[in-house]
Amino acid sequence: MSLLRILTVGDIVGPAAVDVLSKNLFSLRTELRADLVIANGENASQGNGLDLSTAKELLFCGVDVLTSGNHIWQKRDLRDFLANSEQIIRPANYPASCPGAGYTVYNVMGYRVLIMNAQGTIYMDALDCPFAAVDKILSREAGRYDVSVLDFHAEATSEKLAMGYYLDGRVNVVVGTHTHVPTADLRILKGGTGYITDLGMTGPTESVLGVRRDIIIEKLTTKMPVRFELAETPIMLQGALFVLDTERKRVTEVQQVMRGF
């Protein structure tokens, strides 16, 4: 039995989280025997977004492919790089005129891994249908990949669950990102797809989605505008490990990953 071990890392939030990954990701890869690391990097830079220097640092420290979401456009210096990068992708259901691509095929251990990114439309921007966008990619790349993974960047748990069931048996791994809170439904669906509604975040532990608690509490209790600042607390890496039987095309093992630094 030939196994492929895929580590998926939840939304990276802020420079402190990037620094922790730079110092610890290679050792974590060794500990988990991860063959491939996919991380959502859309909040990795100061003030949201992903700038070019941060992207390069993450790719240098052990991330193989960076996925993203609605904040990917905030740092202008990344846009030209996106157009030619095979290791950074943006949601596929943005207009075709946007820089970059919604998927990439990454080679690891002799396997062609199709890594896709799509964005939900419930409580988010009115983009093209994410279900149709994924179907289009699968049809276009049929026969050109051995393993498939989707990062579905969405707000509504219902939309993420529906996507998981929709792709069960057709995509090997479906993970949700965006809400920064890990869900307790990591599992293997009936068709052999590894699934979780949200990976959580890699960022400050004592925070509200990465932001200082007092700031969010002030906003919610006074309804007044505030300036968001990232919390300066220890960092927690949150994600999930999927072990795929490449011969049977089924996930055989799932493991939630949480590490404090």
C-alpha atoms as a PDB file:
ATOM      1  CA  MET A   1       0.000   0.000   0.000  1.00  0.00           C
ATOM      2  CA  SER A   2       1.401   3.377  -1.044  1.00  0.00           C
ATOM      3  CA  LEU A   3       0.516   6.257   1.257  1.00  0.00           C
ATOM      4  CA  LEU A   4       0.656  10.013   0.765  1.00  0.00           C
ATOM      5  CA  ARG A   5       0.560  12.142   3.920  1.00  0.00           C
ATOM      6  CA  ILE A   6      -0.916  15.619   3.420  1.00  0.00           C
ATOM      7  CA  LEU A   7      -0.701  18.287   6.131  1.00  0.00           C
ATOM      8  CA  THR A   8      -3.205  21.131   5.737  1.00  0.00           C
ATOM      9  CA  VAL A   9      -2.634  24.261   7.847  1.00  0.00           C
ATOM     10  CA  GLY A  10      -5.392  26.696   8.844  1.00  0.00           C
ATOM     11  CA  ASP A  11      -5.321  30.417   8.041  1.00  0.00           C
ATOM     12  CA  ILE A  12      -1.948  31.904   8.984  1.00  0.00           C
ATOM     13  CA  VAL A  13      -2.604  35.139  10.884  1.00  0.00           C
ATOM     14  CA  GLY A  14       0.131  37.755  11.187  1.00  0.00           C
ATOM     15  CA  PRO A  15       3.922  38.042  11.174  1.00  0.00           C
ATOM     16  CA  ALA A  16       4.346  36.286  14.540  1.00  0.00           C
ATOM     17  CA  ALA A  17       2.667  33.176  13.146  1.00  0.00           C
ATOM     18  CA  VAL A  18       4.897  33.335  10.071  1.00  0.00           C
ATOM     19  CA  ASP A  19       7.954  33.532  12.328  1.00  0.00           C
ATOM     20  CA  VAL A  20       6.794  30.467  14.280  1.00  0.00           C
ATOM     21  CA  LEU A  21       6.299  28.500  11.084  1.00  0.00           C
ATOM     22  CA  SER A  22       9.726  29.595   9.821  1.00  0.00           C
ATOM     23  CA  LYS A  23      11.315  28.136  12.946  1.00  0.00           C
ATOM     24  CA  ASN A  24       9.205  25.014  13.430  1.00  0.00           C
ATOM     25  CA  LEU A  25       7.517  23.798  10.256  1.00  0.00           C
ATOM     26  CA  PHE A  26      10.340  21.585   9.019  1.00  0.00           C
ATOM     27  CA  SER A  27      10.526  19.770  12.364  1.00  0.00           C
ATOM     28  CA  LEU A  28       6.733  19.367  12.378  1.00  0.00           C
ATOM     29  CA  ARG A  29       6.860  17.934   8.862  1.00  0.00           C
ATOM     30  CA  THR A  30       9.409  15.409  10.109  1.00  0.00           C
ATOM     31  CA  GLU A  31       7.344  14.541  13.192  1.00  0.00           C
ATOM     32  CA  LEU A  32       4.169  13.967  11.159  1.00  0.00           C
ATOM     33  CA  ARG A  33       6.063  12.483   8.183  1.00  0.00           C
ATOM     34  CA  ALA A  34       4.169  14.902   5.958  1.00  0.00           C
ATOM     35  CA  ASP A  35       4.923  14.563   2.253  1.00  0.00           C
ATOM     36  CA  LEU A  36       2.992  17.682   1.275  1.00  0.00           C
ATOM     37  CA  VAL A  37       2.088  20.852   3.193  1.00  0.00           C
ATOM     38  CA  ILE A  38      -0.741  23.117   2.062  1.00  0.00           C
ATOM     39  CA  ALA A  39      -1.459  26.289   4.061  1.00  0.00           C
ATOM     40  CA  ASN A  40      -3.890  29.163   3.709  1.00  0.00           C
ATOM     41  CA  GLY A  41      -1.815  32.350   3.682  1.00  0.00           C
ATOM     42  CA  GLU A  42      -4.316  35.111   2.938  1.00  0.00           C
ATOM     43  CA  ASN A  43      -3.922  36.741   6.392  1.00  0.00           C
ATOM     44  CA  ALA A  44      -0.215  36.122   6.898  1.00  0.00           C
ATOM     45  CA  SER A  45       1.014  39.697   6.462  1.00  0.00           C
ATOM     46  CA  GLN A  46       0.530  42.666   8.752  1.00  0.00           C
ATOM     47  CA  GLY A  47      -2.935  44.141   8.295  1.00  0.00           C
ATOM     48  CA  ASN A  48      -4.359  41.129   6.416  1.00  0.00           C
ATOM     49  CA  GLY A  49      -3.421  40.005   2.935  1.00  0.00           C
ATOM     50  CA  LEU A  50      -0.242  38.343   1.746  1.00  0.00           C
ATOM     51  CA  ASP A  51       2.732  40.310   0.518  1.00  0.00           C
ATOM     52  CA  LEU A  52       5.475  38.922  -1.671  1.00  0.00           C
ATOM     53  CA  SER A  53       8.215  38.715   0.962  1.00  0.00           C
ATOM     54  CA  THR A  54       5.947  36.859   3.394  1.00  0.00           C
ATOM     55  CA  ALA A  55       4.829  34.455   0.678  1.00  0.00           C
ATOM     56  CA  LYS A  56       8.439  33.668  -0.202  1.00  0.00           C
ATOM     57  CA  GLU A  57       9.308  33.141   3.468  1.00  0.00           C
ATOM     58  CA  LEU A  58       6.464  30.652   3.916  1.00  0.00           C
ATOM     59  CA  LEU A  59       7.406  28.737   0.780  1.00  0.00           C
ATOM     60  CA  PHE A  60      11.044  28.678   1.908  1.00  0.00           C
ATOM     61  CA  CYS A  61      10.231  27.361   5.400  1.00  0.00           C
ATOM     62  CA  GLY A  62       8.351  24.246   4.314  1.00  0.00           C
ATOM     63  CA  VAL A  63       4.957  25.188   2.863  1.00  0.00           C
ATOM     64  CA  ASP A  64       4.614  23.619  -0.588  1.00  0.00           C
ATOM     65  CA  VAL A  65       1.481  25.403  -1.788  1.00  0.00           C
ATOM     66  CA  LEU A  66      -0.277  28.485  -0.412  1.00  0.00           C
ATOM     67  CA  THR A  67      -4.035  28.803  -0.833  1.00  0.00           C
ATOM     68  CA  SER A  68      -5.955  31.987  -0.101  1.00  0.00           C
ATOM     69  CA  GLY A  69      -9.332  33.728  -0.037  1.00  0.00           C
ATOM     70  CA  ASN A  70     -11.036  37.101  -0.068  1.00  0.00           C
ATOM     71  CA  HIS A  71      -8.026  39.006   1.368  1.00  0.00           C
ATOM     72  CA  ILE A  72      -5.573  37.839  -1.291  1.00  0.00           C
ATOM     73  CA  TRP A  73      -5.832  41.116  -3.251  1.00  0.00           C
ATOM     74  CA  GLN A  74      -4.851  43.479  -0.428  1.00  0.00           C
ATOM     75  CA  LYS A  75      -1.089  43.543  -1.054  1.00  0.00           C
ATOM     76  CA  ARG A  76      -0.473  44.832  -4.561  1.00  0.00           C
ATOM     77  CA  ASP A  77       3.083  43.536  -4.799  1.00  0.00           C
ATOM     78  CA  LEU A  78       1.795  39.952  -4.898  1.00  0.00           C
ATOM     79  CA  ARG A  79      -0.492  40.401  -7.895  1.00  0.00           C
ATOM     80  CA  ASP A  80       2.147  40.182 -10.629  1.00  0.00           C
ATOM     81  CA  PHE A  81       3.775  37.244  -8.841  1.00  0.00           C
ATOM     82  CA  LEU A  82       0.414  35.445  -8.674  1.00  0.00           C
ATOM     83  CA  ALA A  83       0.131  35.490 -12.433  1.00  0.00           C
ATOM     84  CA  ASN A  84       3.204  33.261 -12.801  1.00  0.00           C
ATOM     85  CA  SER A  85       3.262  31.269  -9.575  1.00  0.00           C
ATOM     86  CA  GLU A  86       2.547  27.540  -9.354  1.00  0.00           C
ATOM     87  CA  GLN A  87       2.751  27.589  -5.554  1.00  0.00           C
ATOM     88  CA  ILE A  88       0.265  30.345  -4.678  1.00  0.00           C
ATOM     89  CA  ILE A  89      -3.340  30.115  -5.808  1.00  0.00           C
ATOM     90  CA  ARG A  90      -6.467  32.235  -5.369  1.00  0.00           C
ATOM     91  CA  PRO A  91     -10.144  31.204  -5.369  1.00  0.00           C
ATOM     92  CA  ALA A  92     -11.072  29.817  -8.770  1.00  0.00           C
ATOM     93  CA  ASN A  93     -14.500  31.469  -8.877  1.00  0.00           C
ATOM     94  CA  TYR A  94     -13.145  35.020  -9.078  1.00  0.00           C
ATOM     95  CA  PRO A  95     -13.410  36.537 -12.576  1.00  0.00           C
ATOM     96  CA  ALA A  96     -10.916  35.134 -15.063  1.00  0.00           C
ATOM     97  CA  SER A  97      -9.457  38.636 -15.472  1.00  0.00           C
ATOM     98  CA  CYS A  98      -8.103  38.537 -11.904  1.00  0.00           C
ATOM     99  CA  PRO A  99      -4.397  37.708 -11.503  1.00  0.00           C
ATOM    100  CA  GLY A 100      -3.375  34.158 -10.782  1.00  0.00           C
ATOM    101  CA  ALA A 101      -5.041  30.777 -11.031  1.00  0.00           C
ATOM    102  CA  GLY A 102      -7.553  28.880  -8.934  1.00  0.00           C
ATOM    103  CA  TYR A 103      -5.591  25.642  -8.959  1.00  0.00           C
ATOM    104  CA  THR A 104      -2.185  24.126  -9.482  1.00  0.00           C
ATOM    105  CA  VAL A 105      -0.792  20.643 -10.097  1.00  0.00           C
ATOM    106  CA  TYR A 106       2.081  20.009  -7.699  1.00  0.00           C
ATOM    107  CA  ASN A 107       4.368  17.005  -8.057  1.00  0.00           C
ATOM    108  CA  VAL A 108       5.287  15.115  -4.903  1.00  0.00           C
ATOM    109  CA  MET A 109       6.740  11.611  -4.590  1.00  0.00           C
ATOM    110  CA  GLY A 110       5.902  10.951  -8.221  1.00  0.00           C
ATOM    111  CA  TYR A 111       2.230  11.884  -7.771  1.00  0.00           C
ATOM    112  CA  ARG A 112       0.507  14.760  -9.516  1.00  0.00           C
ATOM    113  CA  VAL A 113      -1.528  16.530  -6.840  1.00  0.00           C
ATOM    114  CA  LEU A 114      -4.289  18.814  -8.069  1.00  0.00           C
ATOM    115  CA  ILE A 115      -4.705  21.546  -5.438  1.00  0.00           C
ATOM    116  CA  MET A 116      -7.765  23.750  -5.851  1.00  0.00           C
ATOM    117  CA  ASN A 117      -9.071  26.859  -4.102  1.00  0.00           C
ATOM    118  CA  ALA A 118     -12.676  28.101  -4.175  1.00  0.00           C
ATOM    119  CA  GLN A 119     -14.605  30.713  -2.200  1.00  0.00           C
ATOM    120  CA  GLY A 120     -18.088  30.462  -0.760  1.00  0.00           C
ATOM    121  CA  THR A 121     -20.853  32.875  -1.680  1.00  0.00           C
ATOM    122  CA  ILE A 122     -23.079  32.773   1.437  1.00  0.00           C
ATOM    123  CA  TYR A 123     -22.377  35.923   3.540  1.00  0.00           C
ATOM    124  CA  MET A 124     -19.425  36.660   1.227  1.00  0.00           C
ATOM    125  CA  ASP A 125     -18.782  38.328  -2.127  1.00  0.00           C
ATOM    126  CA  ALA A 126     -21.188  37.419  -4.922  1.00  0.00           C
ATOM    127  CA  LEU A 127     -18.761  35.382  -6.993  1.00  0.00           C
ATOM    128  CA  ASP A 128     -19.452  32.658  -9.529  1.00  0.00           C
ATOM    129  CA  CYS A 129     -20.833  29.373  -8.219  1.00  0.00           C
ATOM    130  CA  PRO A 130     -18.003  27.559  -6.374  1.00  0.00           C
ATOM    131  CA  PHE A 131     -19.520  24.140  -7.113  1.00  0.00           C
ATOM    132  CA  ALA A 132     -19.487  24.830 -10.849  1.00  0.00           C
ATOM    133  CA  ALA A 133     -15.959  26.267 -10.608  1.00  0.00           C
ATOM    134  CA  VAL A 134     -14.612  23.062  -9.032  1.00  0.00           C
ATOM    135  CA  ASP A 135     -16.461  20.900 -11.552  1.00  0.00           C
ATOM    136  CA  LYS A 136     -14.900  22.912 -14.360  1.00  0.00           C
ATOM    137  CA  ILE A 137     -11.390  22.336 -12.993  1.00  0.00           C
ATOM    138  CA  LEU A 138     -11.972  18.606 -12.512  1.00  0.00           C
ATOM    139  CA  SER A 139     -13.257  18.318 -16.072  1.00  0.00           C
ATOM    140  CA  ARG A 140     -10.429  20.385 -17.552  1.00  0.00           C
ATOM    141  CA  GLU A 141      -7.693  18.469 -15.723  1.00  0.00           C
ATOM    142  CA  ALA A 142      -9.197  14.975 -16.047  1.00  0.00           C
ATOM    143  CA  GLY A 143      -6.406  12.445 -16.562  1.00  0.00           C
ATOM    144  CA  ARG A 144      -3.700  14.944 -15.635  1.00  0.00           C
ATOM    145  CA  TYR A 145      -3.606  14.353 -11.871  1.00  0.00           C
ATOM    146  CA  ASP A 146      -3.448  11.457  -9.405  1.00  0.00           C
ATOM    147  CA  VAL A 147      -4.612  13.103  -6.157  1.00  0.00           C
ATOM    148  CA  SER A 148      -6.917  16.076  -5.540  1.00  0.00           C
ATOM    149  CA  VAL A 149      -7.340  18.558  -2.684  1.00  0.00           C
ATOM    150  CA  LEU A 150      -9.713  21.510  -2.243  1.00  0.00           C
ATOM    151  CA  ASP A 151      -9.421  24.454   0.148  1.00  0.00           C
ATOM    152  CA  PHE A 152     -12.966  25.831   0.323  1.00  0.00           C
ATOM    153  CA  HIS A 153     -12.728  29.321   1.828  1.00  0.00           C
ATOM    154  CA  ALA A 154     -16.242  29.998   3.082  1.00  0.00           C
ATOM    155  CA  GLU A 155     -18.228  31.511   5.934  1.00  0.00           C
ATOM    156  CA  ALA A 156     -21.275  29.242   6.152  1.00  0.00           C
ATOM    157  CA  THR A 157     -20.841  25.757   7.594  1.00  0.00           C
ATOM    158  CA  SER A 158     -23.814  24.616   5.515  1.00  0.00           C
ATOM    159  CA  GLU A 159     -22.074  25.593   2.287  1.00  0.00           C
ATOM    160  CA  LYS A 160     -18.874  23.840   3.339  1.00  0.00           C
ATOM    161  CA  LEU A 161     -20.695  20.650   4.324  1.00  0.00           C
ATOM    162  CA  ALA A 162     -22.610  20.656   1.059  1.00  0.00           C
ATOM    163  CA  MET A 163     -19.335  20.990  -0.845  1.00  0.00           C
ATOM    164  CA  GLY A 164     -17.836  18.058   1.050  1.00  0.00           C
ATOM    165  CA  TYR A 165     -20.756  15.791   0.234  1.00  0.00           C
ATOM    166  CA  TYR A 166     -20.891  17.079  -3.336  1.00  0.00           C
ATOM    167  CA  LEU A 167     -17.268  16.100  -3.925  1.00  0.00           C
ATOM    168  CA  ASP A 168     -17.205  12.900  -1.850  1.00  0.00           C
ATOM    169  CA  GLY A 169     -15.457  10.235  -3.879  1.00  0.00           C
ATOM    170  CA  ARG A 170     -14.393  12.747  -6.546  1.00  0.00           C
ATOM    171  CA  VAL A 171     -11.891  14.855  -4.584  1.00  0.00           C
ATOM    172  CA  ASN A 172      -9.617  13.146  -2.056  1.00  0.00           C
ATOM    173  CA  VAL A 173      -9.398  15.910   0.538  1.00  0.00           C
ATOM    174  CA  VAL A 174     -11.808  18.807   1.172  1.00  0.00           C
ATOM    175  CA  VAL A 175     -10.933  21.311   3.901  1.00  0.00           C
ATOM    176  CA  GLY A 176     -12.694  24.492   4.927  1.00  0.00           C
ATOM    177  CA  THR A 177     -10.964  27.724   5.895  1.00  0.00           C
ATOM    178  CA  HIS A 178     -11.913  31.345   6.695  1.00  0.00           C
ATOM    179  CA  THR A 179     -13.661  31.245  10.093  1.00  0.00           C
ATOM    180  CA  HIS A 180     -10.413  30.739  12.075  1.00  0.00           C
ATOM    181  CA  VAL A 181     -12.158  28.336  14.495  1.00  0.00           C
ATOM    182  CA  PRO A 182     -11.420  24.598  14.170  1.00  0.00           C
ATOM    183  CA  THR A 183     -14.468  22.384  13.872  1.00  0.00           C
ATOM    184  CA  ALA A 184     -14.920  18.978  15.517  1.00  0.00           C
ATOM    185  CA  ASP A 185     -16.098  17.111  12.410  1.00  0.00           C
ATOM    186  CA  LEU A 186     -12.816  15.824  10.964  1.00  0.00           C
ATOM    187  CA  ARG A 187     -13.758  12.552   9.269  1.00  0.00           C
ATOM    188  CA  ILE A 188     -13.675  10.275   6.254  1.00  0.00           C
ATOM    189  CA  LEU A 189     -16.840  10.496   4.172  1.00  0.00           C
ATOM    190  CA  LYS A 190     -18.470   7.382   2.691  1.00  0.00           C
ATOM    191  CA  GLY A 191     -16.830   7.841  -0.693  1.00  0.00           C
ATOM    192  CA  GLY A 192     -13.350   8.003   0.877  1.00  0.00           C
ATOM    193  CA  THR A 193     -12.908  11.784   0.951  1.00  0.00           C
ATOM    194  CA  GLY A 194     -11.143  13.273   3.965  1.00  0.00           C
ATOM    195  CA  TYR A 195     -13.142  16.253   5.236  1.00  0.00           C
ATOM    196  CA  ILE A 196     -13.242  19.011   7.863  1.00  0.00           C
ATOM    197  CA  THR A 197     -15.510  22.069   7.901  1.00  0.00           C
ATOM    198  CA  ASP A 198     -12.780  24.414   9.157  1.00  0.00           C
ATOM    199  CA  LEU A 199      -9.107  23.854   9.917  1.00  0.00           C
ATOM    200  CA  GLY A 200      -8.937  26.785  12.343  1.00  0.00           C
ATOM    201  CA  MET A 201      -6.077  29.270  12.308  1.00  0.00           C
ATOM    202  CA  THR A 202      -2.379  29.461  12.908  1.00  0.00           C
ATOM    203  CA  GLY A 203      -2.147  32.592  15.014  1.00  0.00           C
ATOM    204  CA  PRO A 204      -2.402  34.164  18.488  1.00  0.00           C
ATOM    205  CA  THR A 205      -4.135  31.836  20.946  1.00  0.00           C
ATOM    206  CA  GLU A 206      -5.582  34.419  23.362  1.00  0.00           C
ATOM    207  CA  SER A 207      -7.425  36.457  20.758  1.00  0.00           C
ATOM    208  CA  VAL A 208     -10.658  36.777  18.843  1.00  0.00           C
ATOM    209  CA  LEU A 209      -9.788  35.309  15.442  1.00  0.00           C
ATOM    210  CA  GLY A 210      -6.275  36.722  15.855  1.00  0.00           C
ATOM    211  CA  VAL A 211      -7.266  40.229  16.976  1.00  0.00           C
ATOM    212  CA  ARG A 212      -6.776  41.587  20.514  1.00  0.00           C
ATOM    213  CA  ARG A 213      -9.693  40.540  22.707  1.00  0.00           C
ATOM    214  CA  ASP A 214     -10.255  43.948  24.259  1.00  0.00           C
ATOM    215  CA  ILE A 215     -10.609  45.591  20.852  1.00  0.00           C
ATOM    216  CA  ILE A 216     -13.270  43.139  19.684  1.00  0.00           C
ATOM    217  CA  ILE A 217     -15.111  43.341  22.994  1.00  0.00           C
ATOM    218  CA  GLU A 218     -15.121  47.147  22.746  1.00  0.00           C
ATOM    219  CA  LYS A 219     -16.510  46.994  19.217  1.00  0.00           C
ATOM    220  CA  LEU A 220     -19.243  44.530  20.146  1.00  0.00           C
ATOM    221  CA  THR A 221     -20.300  46.307  23.332  1.00  0.00           C
ATOM    222  CA  THR A 222     -20.125  49.934  22.143  1.00  0.00           C
ATOM    223  CA  LYS A 223     -20.861  49.497  18.414  1.00  0.00           C
ATOM    224  CA  MET A 224     -18.174  52.117  17.785  1.00  0.00           C
ATOM    225  CA  PRO A 225     -15.496  51.800  15.098  1.00  0.00           C
ATOM    226  CA  VAL A 226     -12.149  50.439  16.299  1.00  0.00           C
ATOM    227  CA  ARG A 227      -8.734  49.810  14.799  1.00  0.00           C
ATOM    228  CA  PHE A 228      -7.921  46.114  14.687  1.00  0.00           C
ATOM    229  CA  GLU A 229      -4.558  45.046  16.101  1.00  0.00           C
ATOM    230  CA  LEU A 230      -3.206  41.518  16.230  1.00  0.00           C
ATOM    231  CA  ALA A 231      -2.869  39.995  19.675  1.00  0.00           C
ATOM    232  CA  GLU A 232       0.639  39.475  21.002  1.00  0.00           C
ATOM    233  CA  THR A 233       0.194  36.079  22.648  1.00  0.00           C
ATOM    234  CA  PRO A 234       1.651  32.599  22.077  1.00  0.00           C
ATOM    235  CA  ILE A 235       0.957  31.084  18.668  1.00  0.00           C
ATOM    236  CA  MET A 236      -1.118  27.962  18.050  1.00  0.00           C
ATOM    237  CA  LEU A 237      -0.830  26.024  14.796  1.00  0.00           C
ATOM    238  CA  GLN A 238      -4.116  24.389  13.834  1.00  0.00           C
ATOM    239  CA  GLY A 239      -4.709  22.071  10.923  1.00  0.00           C
ATOM    240  CA  ALA A 240      -5.273  18.466   9.906  1.00  0.00           C
ATOM    241  CA  LEU A 241      -3.277  15.560   8.535  1.00  0.00           C
ATOM    242  CA  PHE A 242      -4.780  13.284   5.899  1.00  0.00           C
ATOM    243  CA  VAL A 243      -3.254   9.920   4.998  1.00  0.00           C
ATOM    244  CA  LEU A 244      -4.252   8.825   1.503  1.00  0.00           C
ATOM    245  CA  ASP A 245      -4.022   5.336   0.039  1.00  0.00           C
ATOM    246  CA  THR A 246      -2.944   6.312  -3.465  1.00  0.00           C
ATOM    247  CA  GLU A 247      -3.838   2.916  -4.956  1.00  0.00           C
ATOM    248  CA  ARG A 248      -7.417   2.814  -3.637  1.00  0.00           C
ATOM    249  CA  LYS A 249      -7.793   6.607  -3.968  1.00  0.00           C
ATOM    250  CA  ARG A 250      -9.222   6.817  -0.453  1.00  0.00           C
ATOM    251  CA  VAL A 251      -8.218   8.620   2.724  1.00  0.00           C
ATOM    252  CA  THR A 252      -7.520   5.975   5.367  1.00  0.00           C
ATOM    253  CA  GLU A 253      -6.569   8.128   8.352  1.00  0.00           C
ATOM    254  CA  VAL A 254      -7.305  11.641   9.588  1.00  0.00           C
ATOM    255  CA  GLN A 255      -5.703  13.515  12.469  1.00  0.00           C
ATOM    256  CA  GLN A 256      -6.407  16.967  13.861  1.00  0.00           C
ATOM    257  CA  VAL A 257      -3.143  18.853  14.400  1.00  0.00           C
ATOM    258  CA  MET A 258      -2.718  21.468  17.115  1.00  0.00           C
ATOM    259  CA  ARG A 259       0.660  22.675  18.317  1.00  0.00           C
ATOM    260  CA  GLY A 260       1.372  25.568  20.674  1.00  0.00           C
ATOM    261  CA  PHE A 261       4.563  27.639  20.387  1.00  0.00           C
END
